[in-house]
Amino acid sequence: MGPCAQGFTATDSTGTTTYRKAEPEPLSAGDEALAWGLTVERDGAPVVVRLAAVRKRNNVALFFTCDPTGGVDRQPMAVIDAQTAKLP
């Protein structure tokens, strides 16, 4: 993941968000899939945000999962599989 793996910041109209680290995660879905876990700093506490991109034929679906209490410890495969199955 290059320099992003060690953390980065992103700024928009609401302010700046600090991402402490970015790590690739294993994901098997559709014809191709990529996934990442991003550790974000929120009010001084770490929160893991999970992102996934799944390609099925000519379609790409993006999935975003976040639980500020820290309860999401992996990609939500039931959701990803169910939604990917709906792609033509």
PDB file of N, CA and C in Angstrom:
ATOM      1  N   MET A   1       0.816  -1.189   0.000  1.00  0.00           N
ATOM      2  CA  MET A   1       0.000   0.000   0.000  1.00  0.00           C
ATOM      3  C   MET A   1       0.861   1.254   0.000  1.00  0.00           C
ATOM      4  N   GLY A   2       2.146   1.077  -0.010  1.00  0.00           N
ATOM      5  CA  GLY A   2       3.025   2.229  -0.102  1.00  0.00           C
ATOM      6  C   GLY A   2       2.933   3.145   1.098  1.00  0.00           C
ATOM      7  N   PRO A   3       3.063   4.454   0.860  1.00  0.00           N
ATOM      8  CA  PRO A   3       3.104   5.403   1.972  1.00  0.00           C
ATOM      9  C   PRO A   3       1.803   5.463   2.769  1.00  0.00           C
ATOM     10  N   CYS A   4       0.669   5.104   2.191  1.00  0.00           N
ATOM     11  CA  CYS A   4      -0.604   5.167   2.916  1.00  0.00           C
ATOM     12  C   CYS A   4      -0.659   4.170   4.073  1.00  0.00           C
ATOM     13  N   ALA A   5       0.103   3.103   3.991  1.00  0.00           N
ATOM     14  CA  ALA A   5       0.082   2.079   5.039  1.00  0.00           C
ATOM     15  C   ALA A   5       0.473   2.638   6.395  1.00  0.00           C
ATOM     16  N   GLN A   6       1.304   3.673   6.406  1.00  0.00           N
ATOM     17  CA  GLN A   6       1.774   4.257   7.665  1.00  0.00           C
ATOM     18  C   GLN A   6       0.851   5.361   8.175  1.00  0.00           C
ATOM     19  N   GLY A   7      -0.224   5.623   7.481  1.00  0.00           N
ATOM     20  CA  GLY A   7      -1.170   6.652   7.904  1.00  0.00           C
ATOM     21  C   GLY A   7      -1.146   7.863   6.988  1.00  0.00           C
ATOM     22  N   PHE A   8      -2.232   8.621   7.022  1.00  0.00           N
ATOM     23  CA  PHE A   8      -2.366   9.816   6.197  1.00  0.00           C
ATOM     24  C   PHE A   8      -3.522  10.647   6.730  1.00  0.00           C
ATOM     25  N   THR A   9      -3.696  11.840   6.213  1.00  0.00           N
ATOM     26  CA  THR A   9      -4.828  12.674   6.581  1.00  0.00           C
ATOM     27  C   THR A   9      -5.645  12.989   5.340  1.00  0.00           C
ATOM     28  N   ALA A  10      -6.923  13.252   5.548  1.00  0.00           N
ATOM     29  CA  ALA A  10      -7.823  13.665   4.474  1.00  0.00           C
ATOM     30  C   ALA A  10      -8.630  14.857   4.982  1.00  0.00           C
ATOM     31  N   THR A  11      -8.743  15.885   4.163  1.00  0.00           N
ATOM     32  CA  THR A  11      -9.441  17.094   4.568  1.00  0.00           C
ATOM     33  C   THR A  11     -10.595  17.362   3.612  1.00  0.00           C
ATOM     34  N   ASP A  12     -11.751  17.676   4.183  1.00  0.00           N
ATOM     35  CA  ASP A  12     -12.898  18.083   3.382  1.00  0.00           C
ATOM     36  C   ASP A  12     -13.555  19.277   4.063  1.00  0.00           C
ATOM     37  N   SER A  13     -14.762  19.621   3.661  1.00  0.00           N
ATOM     38  CA  SER A  13     -15.420  20.814   4.200  1.00  0.00           C
ATOM     39  C   SER A  13     -15.765  20.696   5.681  1.00  0.00           C
ATOM     40  N   THR A  14     -15.765  19.472   6.221  1.00  0.00           N
ATOM     41  CA  THR A  14     -16.090  19.293   7.637  1.00  0.00           C
ATOM     42  C   THR A  14     -14.859  19.250   8.527  1.00  0.00           C
ATOM     43  N   GLY A  15     -13.677  19.195   7.935  1.00  0.00           N
ATOM     44  CA  GLY A  15     -12.453  19.176   8.725  1.00  0.00           C
ATOM     45  C   GLY A  15     -11.466  18.149   8.218  1.00  0.00           C
ATOM     46  N   THR A  16     -10.521  17.788   9.077  1.00  0.00           N
ATOM     47  CA  THR A  16      -9.469  16.847   8.725  1.00  0.00           C
ATOM     48  C   THR A  16      -9.630  15.556   9.518  1.00  0.00           C
ATOM     49  N   THR A  17      -9.494  14.434   8.829  1.00  0.00           N
ATOM     50  CA  THR A  17      -9.552  13.115   9.457  1.00  0.00           C
ATOM     51  C   THR A  17      -8.172  12.494   9.384  1.00  0.00           C
ATOM     52  N   THR A  18      -7.737  11.928  10.498  1.00  0.00           N
ATOM     53  CA  THR A  18      -6.438  11.266  10.558  1.00  0.00           C
ATOM     54  C   THR A  18      -6.642   9.761  10.450  1.00  0.00           C
ATOM     55  N   TYR A  19      -6.014   9.168   9.450  1.00  0.00           N
ATOM     56  CA  TYR A  19      -6.002   7.717   9.275  1.00  0.00           C
ATOM     57  C   TYR A  19      -4.659   7.229   9.809  1.00  0.00           C
ATOM     58  N   ARG A  20      -4.673   6.431  10.861  1.00  0.00           N
ATOM     59  CA  ARG A  20      -3.437   5.977  11.481  1.00  0.00           C
ATOM     60  C   ARG A  20      -2.707   4.931  10.653  1.00  0.00           C
ATOM     61  N   LYS A  21      -3.468   4.033  10.015  1.00  0.00           N
ATOM     62  CA  LYS A  21      -2.844   3.019   9.164  1.00  0.00           C
ATOM     63  C   LYS A  21      -3.873   2.464   8.195  1.00  0.00           C
ATOM     64  N   ALA A  22      -3.382   1.844   7.142  1.00  0.00           N
ATOM     65  CA  ALA A  22      -4.212   1.198   6.132  1.00  0.00           C
ATOM     66  C   ALA A  22      -3.590  -0.160   5.837  1.00  0.00           C
ATOM     67  N   GLU A  23      -4.407  -1.208   5.922  1.00  0.00           N
ATOM     68  CA  GLU A  23      -3.892  -2.561   5.705  1.00  0.00           C
ATOM     69  C   GLU A  23      -4.788  -3.320   4.735  1.00  0.00           C
ATOM     70  N   PRO A  24      -4.200  -4.023   3.775  1.00  0.00           N
ATOM     71  CA  PRO A  24      -5.019  -4.868   2.897  1.00  0.00           C
ATOM     72  C   PRO A  24      -5.605  -6.017   3.713  1.00  0.00           C
ATOM     73  N   GLU A  25      -6.793  -6.462   3.318  1.00  0.00           N
ATOM     74  CA  GLU A  25      -7.446  -7.582   3.985  1.00  0.00           C
ATOM     75  C   GLU A  25      -7.817  -8.632   2.940  1.00  0.00           C
ATOM     76  N   PRO A  26      -7.817  -9.899   3.331  1.00  0.00           N
ATOM     77  CA  PRO A  26      -8.200 -10.935   2.384  1.00  0.00           C
ATOM     78  C   PRO A  26      -9.702 -10.858   2.085  1.00  0.00           C
ATOM     79  N   LEU A  27     -10.069 -11.054   0.826  1.00  0.00           N
ATOM     80  CA  LEU A  27     -11.476 -11.061   0.440  1.00  0.00           C
ATOM     81  C   LEU A  27     -11.620 -11.868  -0.835  1.00  0.00           C
ATOM     82  N   SER A  28     -12.537 -12.801  -0.825  1.00  0.00           N
ATOM     83  CA  SER A  28     -12.842 -13.594  -2.007  1.00  0.00           C
ATOM     84  C   SER A  28     -14.323 -13.402  -2.315  1.00  0.00           C
ATOM     85  N   ALA A  29     -14.594 -12.694  -3.427  1.00  0.00           N
ATOM     86  CA  ALA A  29     -15.975 -12.426  -3.825  1.00  0.00           C
ATOM     87  C   ALA A  29     -15.977 -12.043  -5.297  1.00  0.00           C
ATOM     88  N   GLY A  30     -17.093 -12.318  -5.977  1.00  0.00           N
ATOM     89  CA  GLY A  30     -17.226 -11.963  -7.381  1.00  0.00           C
ATOM     90  C   GLY A  30     -16.105 -12.540  -8.224  1.00  0.00           C
ATOM     91  N   ASP A  31     -15.780 -11.843  -9.319  1.00  0.00           N
ATOM     92  CA  ASP A  31     -14.680 -12.260 -10.187  1.00  0.00           C
ATOM     93  C   ASP A  31     -13.334 -11.761  -9.671  1.00  0.00           C
ATOM     94  N   GLU A  32     -13.353 -10.623  -9.001  1.00  0.00           N
ATOM     95  CA  GLU A  32     -12.154 -10.036  -8.394  1.00  0.00           C
ATOM     96  C   GLU A  32     -12.603  -9.219  -7.193  1.00  0.00           C
ATOM     97  N   ALA A  33     -11.749  -9.125  -6.190  1.00  0.00           N
ATOM     98  CA  ALA A  33     -12.096  -8.316  -5.023  1.00  0.00           C
ATOM     99  C   ALA A  33     -10.835  -7.795  -4.341  1.00  0.00           C
ATOM    100  N   LEU A  34     -10.947  -6.611  -3.786  1.00  0.00           N
ATOM    101  CA  LEU A  34      -9.894  -6.007  -2.974  1.00  0.00           C
ATOM    102  C   LEU A  34     -10.549  -5.470  -1.704  1.00  0.00           C
ATOM    103  N   ALA A  35      -9.828  -5.527  -0.590  1.00  0.00           N
ATOM    104  CA  ALA A  35     -10.381  -5.023   0.667  1.00  0.00           C
ATOM    105  C   ALA A  35      -9.275  -4.413   1.512  1.00  0.00           C
ATOM    106  N   TRP A  36      -9.671  -3.441   2.337  1.00  0.00           N
ATOM    107  CA  TRP A  36      -8.730  -2.755   3.210  1.00  0.00           C
ATOM    108  C   TRP A  36      -9.368  -2.490   4.558  1.00  0.00           C
ATOM    109  N   GLY A  37      -8.549  -2.458   5.571  1.00  0.00           N
ATOM    110  CA  GLY A  37      -8.959  -1.990   6.892  1.00  0.00           C
ATOM    111  C   GLY A  37      -8.225  -0.695   7.162  1.00  0.00           C
ATOM    112  N   LEU A  38      -8.952   0.363   7.442  1.00  0.00           N
ATOM    113  CA  LEU A  38      -8.366   1.669   7.725  1.00  0.00           C
ATOM    114  C   LEU A  38      -8.631   2.012   9.186  1.00  0.00           C
ATOM    115  N   THR A  39      -7.601   2.344   9.920  1.00  0.00           N
ATOM    116  CA  THR A  39      -7.776   2.762  11.305  1.00  0.00           C
ATOM    117  C   THR A  39      -7.837   4.281  11.336  1.00  0.00           C
ATOM    118  N   VAL A  40      -8.994   4.799  11.751  1.00  0.00           N
ATOM    119  CA  VAL A  40      -9.271   6.227  11.769  1.00  0.00           C
ATOM    120  C   VAL A  40      -9.253   6.700  13.218  1.00  0.00           C
ATOM    121  N   GLU A  41      -8.791   7.901  13.428  1.00  0.00           N
ATOM    122  CA  GLU A  41      -8.830   8.484  14.763  1.00  0.00           C
ATOM    123  C   GLU A  41     -10.088   9.329  14.904  1.00  0.00           C
ATOM    124  N   ARG A  42     -10.953   8.968  15.845  1.00  0.00           N
ATOM    125  CA  ARG A  42     -12.186   9.710  16.110  1.00  0.00           C
ATOM    126  C   ARG A  42     -12.216  10.081  17.584  1.00  0.00           C
ATOM    127  N   ASP A  43     -12.228  11.359  17.874  1.00  0.00           N
ATOM    128  CA  ASP A  43     -12.237  11.840  19.257  1.00  0.00           C
ATOM    129  C   ASP A  43     -11.129  11.204  20.079  1.00  0.00           C
ATOM    130  N   GLY A  44      -9.976  11.003  19.449  1.00  0.00           N
ATOM    131  CA  GLY A  44      -8.817  10.460  20.139  1.00  0.00           C
ATOM    132  C   GLY A  44      -8.798   8.946  20.268  1.00  0.00           C
ATOM    133  N   ALA A  45      -9.832   8.272  19.794  1.00  0.00           N
ATOM    134  CA  ALA A  45      -9.889   6.807  19.891  1.00  0.00           C
ATOM    135  C   ALA A  45      -9.826   6.190  18.499  1.00  0.00           C
ATOM    136  N   PRO A  46      -9.193   5.007  18.367  1.00  0.00           N
ATOM    137  CA  PRO A  46      -9.125   4.360  17.053  1.00  0.00           C
ATOM    138  C   PRO A  46     -10.456   3.689  16.683  1.00  0.00           C
ATOM    139  N   VAL A  47     -10.844   3.850  15.429  1.00  0.00           N
ATOM    140  CA  VAL A  47     -12.030   3.193  14.866  1.00  0.00           C
ATOM    141  C   VAL A  47     -11.603   2.556  13.556  1.00  0.00           C
ATOM    142  N   VAL A  48     -11.931   1.276  13.363  1.00  0.00           N
ATOM    143  CA  VAL A  48     -11.566   0.597  12.122  1.00  0.00           C
ATOM    144  C   VAL A  48     -12.712   0.715  11.117  1.00  0.00           C
ATOM    145  N   VAL A  49     -12.375   1.201   9.938  1.00  0.00           N
ATOM    146  CA  VAL A  49     -13.309   1.306   8.823  1.00  0.00           C
ATOM    147  C   VAL A  49     -12.896   0.243   7.817  1.00  0.00           C
ATOM    148  N   ARG A  50     -13.835  -0.538   7.347  1.00  0.00           N
ATOM    149  CA  ARG A  50     -13.534  -1.595   6.383  1.00  0.00           C
ATOM    150  C   ARG A  50     -14.122  -1.210   5.024  1.00  0.00           C
ATOM    151  N   LEU A  51     -13.285  -1.310   3.999  1.00  0.00           N
ATOM    152  CA  LEU A  51     -13.691  -1.005   2.630  1.00  0.00           C
ATOM    153  C   LEU A  51     -13.477  -2.237   1.764  1.00  0.00           C
ATOM    154  N   ALA A  52     -14.381  -2.447   0.810  1.00  0.00           N
ATOM    155  CA  ALA A  52     -14.222  -3.559  -0.126  1.00  0.00           C
ATOM    156  C   ALA A  52     -14.711  -3.123  -1.500  1.00  0.00           C
ATOM    157  N   ALA A  53     -14.010  -3.572  -2.522  1.00  0.00           N
ATOM    158  CA  ALA A  53     -14.409  -3.349  -3.912  1.00  0.00           C
ATOM    159  C   ALA A  53     -14.500  -4.723  -4.570  1.00  0.00           C
ATOM    160  N   VAL A  54     -15.666  -5.015  -5.153  1.00  0.00           N
ATOM    161  CA  VAL A  54     -15.906  -6.323  -5.766  1.00  0.00           C
ATOM    162  C   VAL A  54     -16.325  -6.120  -7.214  1.00  0.00           C
ATOM    163  N   ARG A  55     -15.671  -6.843  -8.123  1.00  0.00           N
ATOM    164  CA  ARG A  55     -16.058  -6.815  -9.538  1.00  0.00           C
ATOM    165  C   ARG A  55     -16.720  -8.123  -9.894  1.00  0.00           C
ATOM    166  N   LYS A  56     -17.885  -8.014 -10.546  1.00  0.00           N
ATOM    167  CA  LYS A  56     -18.562  -9.179 -11.117  1.00  0.00           C
ATOM    168  C   LYS A  56     -18.929  -8.811 -12.550  1.00  0.00           C
ATOM    169  N   ARG A  57     -18.300  -9.499 -13.494  1.00  0.00           N
ATOM    170  CA  ARG A  57     -18.402  -9.163 -14.912  1.00  0.00           C
ATOM    171  C   ARG A  57     -18.044  -7.683 -15.107  1.00  0.00           C
ATOM    172  N   ASN A  58     -18.961  -6.876 -15.659  1.00  0.00           N
ATOM    173  CA  ASN A  58     -18.662  -5.460 -15.923  1.00  0.00           C
ATOM    174  C   ASN A  58     -19.121  -4.532 -14.803  1.00  0.00           C
ATOM    175  N   ASN A  59     -19.477  -5.076 -13.660  1.00  0.00           N
ATOM    176  CA  ASN A  59     -20.004  -4.277 -12.557  1.00  0.00           C
ATOM    177  C   ASN A  59     -19.018  -4.231 -11.402  1.00  0.00           C
ATOM    178  N   VAL A  60     -18.945  -3.093 -10.753  1.00  0.00           N
ATOM    179  CA  VAL A  60     -18.112  -2.942  -9.562  1.00  0.00           C
ATOM    180  C   VAL A  60     -19.004  -2.447  -8.432  1.00  0.00           C
ATOM    181  N   ALA A  61     -18.952  -3.131  -7.308  1.00  0.00           N
ATOM    182  CA  ALA A  61     -19.705  -2.732  -6.119  1.00  0.00           C
ATOM    183  C   ALA A  61     -18.712  -2.375  -5.018  1.00  0.00           C
ATOM    184  N   LEU A  62     -19.016  -1.311  -4.301  1.00  0.00           N
ATOM    185  CA  LEU A  62     -18.164  -0.860  -3.200  1.00  0.00           C
ATOM    186  C   LEU A  62     -18.924  -1.023  -1.888  1.00  0.00           C
ATOM    187  N   PHE A  63     -18.238  -1.496  -0.868  1.00  0.00           N
ATOM    188  CA  PHE A  63     -18.847  -1.720   0.440  1.00  0.00           C
ATOM    189  C   PHE A  63     -18.037  -0.989   1.500  1.00  0.00           C
ATOM    190  N   PHE A  64     -18.743  -0.366   2.432  1.00  0.00           N
ATOM    191  CA  PHE A  64     -18.136   0.421   3.492  1.00  0.00           C
ATOM    192  C   PHE A  64     -18.768  -0.019   4.801  1.00  0.00           C
ATOM    193  N   THR A  65     -17.954  -0.388   5.771  1.00  0.00           N
ATOM    194  CA  THR A  65     -18.452  -0.832   7.065  1.00  0.00           C
ATOM    195  C   THR A  65     -17.706  -0.106   8.170  1.00  0.00           C
ATOM    196  N   CYS A  66     -18.461   0.408   9.133  1.00  0.00           N
ATOM    197  CA  CYS A  66     -17.838   1.108  10.256  1.00  0.00           C
ATOM    198  C   CYS A  66     -18.697   0.923  11.493  1.00  0.00           C
ATOM    199  N   ASP A  67     -18.068   0.656  12.614  1.00  0.00           N
ATOM    200  CA  ASP A  67     -18.754   0.571  13.895  1.00  0.00           C
ATOM    201  C   ASP A  67     -17.905   1.343  14.903  1.00  0.00           C
ATOM    202  N   PRO A  68     -18.360   2.527  15.333  1.00  0.00           N
ATOM    203  CA  PRO A  68     -17.547   3.331  16.229  1.00  0.00           C
ATOM    204  C   PRO A  68     -17.267   2.660  17.574  1.00  0.00           C
ATOM    205  N   THR A  69     -18.002   1.612  17.912  1.00  0.00           N
ATOM    206  CA  THR A  69     -17.741   0.906  19.171  1.00  0.00           C
ATOM    207  C   THR A  69     -16.678  -0.168  19.008  1.00  0.00           C
ATOM    208  N   GLY A  70     -16.201  -0.367  17.755  1.00  0.00           N
ATOM    209  CA  GLY A  70     -15.138  -1.344  17.518  1.00  0.00           C
ATOM    210  C   GLY A  70     -15.625  -2.755  17.298  1.00  0.00           C
ATOM    211  N   GLY A  71     -16.931  -2.951  17.080  1.00  0.00           N
ATOM    212  CA  GLY A  71     -17.493  -4.288  16.964  1.00  0.00           C
ATOM    213  C   GLY A  71     -17.322  -4.979  15.624  1.00  0.00           C
ATOM    214  N   VAL A  72     -16.843  -4.285  14.600  1.00  0.00           N
ATOM    215  CA  VAL A  72     -16.681  -4.892  13.279  1.00  0.00           C
ATOM    216  C   VAL A  72     -15.232  -5.346  13.130  1.00  0.00           C
ATOM    217  N   ASP A  73     -15.004  -6.646  13.251  1.00  0.00           N
ATOM    218  CA  ASP A  73     -13.625  -7.135  13.204  1.00  0.00           C
ATOM    219  C   ASP A  73     -13.261  -7.809  11.891  1.00  0.00           C
ATOM    220  N   ARG A  74     -14.201  -7.820  10.914  1.00  0.00           N
ATOM    221  CA  ARG A  74     -13.910  -8.403   9.600  1.00  0.00           C
ATOM    222  C   ARG A  74     -14.918  -7.856   8.582  1.00  0.00           C
ATOM    223  N   GLN A  75     -14.655  -8.136   7.329  1.00  0.00           N
ATOM    224  CA  GLN A  75     -15.573  -7.729   6.266  1.00  0.00           C
ATOM    225  C   GLN A  75     -16.919  -8.442   6.467  1.00  0.00           C
ATOM    226  N   PRO A  76     -18.045  -7.766   6.223  1.00  0.00           N
ATOM    227  CA  PRO A  76     -19.367  -8.384   6.397  1.00  0.00           C
ATOM    228  C   PRO A  76     -19.716  -9.296   5.207  1.00  0.00           C
ATOM    229  N   MET A  77     -19.180 -10.502   5.206  1.00  0.00           N
ATOM    230  CA  MET A  77     -19.304 -11.383   4.043  1.00  0.00           C
ATOM    231  C   MET A  77     -20.742 -11.732   3.696  1.00  0.00           C
ATOM    232  N   ALA A  78     -21.644 -11.847   4.663  1.00  0.00           N
ATOM    233  CA  ALA A  78     -23.046 -12.149   4.338  1.00  0.00           C
ATOM    234  C   ALA A  78     -23.635 -11.041   3.470  1.00  0.00           C
ATOM    235  N   VAL A  79     -23.331  -9.805   3.788  1.00  0.00           N
ATOM    236  CA  VAL A  79     -23.823  -8.666   3.010  1.00  0.00           C
ATOM    237  C   VAL A  79     -23.138  -8.626   1.640  1.00  0.00           C
ATOM    238  N   ILE A  80     -21.822  -8.754   1.629  1.00  0.00           N
ATOM    239  CA  ILE A  80     -21.083  -8.699   0.367  1.00  0.00           C
ATOM    240  C   ILE A  80     -21.543  -9.812  -0.574  1.00  0.00           C
ATOM    241  N   ASP A  81     -21.681 -11.030  -0.083  1.00  0.00           N
ATOM    242  CA  ASP A  81     -22.119 -12.142  -0.934  1.00  0.00           C
ATOM    243  C   ASP A  81     -23.550 -11.941  -1.436  1.00  0.00           C
ATOM    244  N   ALA A  82     -24.442 -11.509  -0.566  1.00  0.00           N
ATOM    245  CA  ALA A  82     -25.839 -11.306  -0.970  1.00  0.00           C
ATOM    246  C   ALA A  82     -25.969 -10.204  -2.021  1.00  0.00           C
ATOM    247  N   GLN A  83     -25.261  -9.099  -1.834  1.00  0.00           N
ATOM    248  CA  GLN A  83     -25.352  -7.990  -2.778  1.00  0.00           C
ATOM    249  C   GLN A  83     -24.634  -8.311  -4.096  1.00  0.00           C
ATOM    250  N   THR A  84     -23.523  -9.002  -4.016  1.00  0.00           N
ATOM    251  CA  THR A  84     -22.802  -9.385  -5.228  1.00  0.00           C
ATOM    252  C   THR A  84     -23.636 -10.345  -6.068  1.00  0.00           C
ATOM    253  N   ALA A  85     -24.378 -11.228  -5.417  1.00  0.00           N
ATOM    254  CA  ALA A  85     -25.238 -12.176  -6.142  1.00  0.00           C
ATOM    255  C   ALA A  85     -26.312 -11.467  -6.955  1.00  0.00           C
ATOM    256  N   LYS A  86     -26.693 -10.270  -6.565  1.00  0.00           N
ATOM    257  CA  LYS A  86     -27.721  -9.509  -7.268  1.00  0.00           C
ATOM    258  C   LYS A  86     -27.201  -8.808  -8.523  1.00  0.00           C
ATOM    259  N   LEU A  87     -25.879  -8.719  -8.653  1.00  0.00           N
ATOM    260  CA  LEU A  87     -25.315  -8.054  -9.837  1.00  0.00           C
ATOM    261  C   LEU A  87     -25.532  -8.909 -11.068  1.00  0.00           C
ATOM    262  N   PRO A  88     -25.842  -8.258 -12.192  1.00  0.00           N
ATOM    263  CA  PRO A  88     -26.068  -9.036 -13.430  1.00  0.00           C
ATOM    264  C   PRO A  88     -24.784  -9.686 -13.939  1.00  0.00           C
TER     265      PRO A  88
END
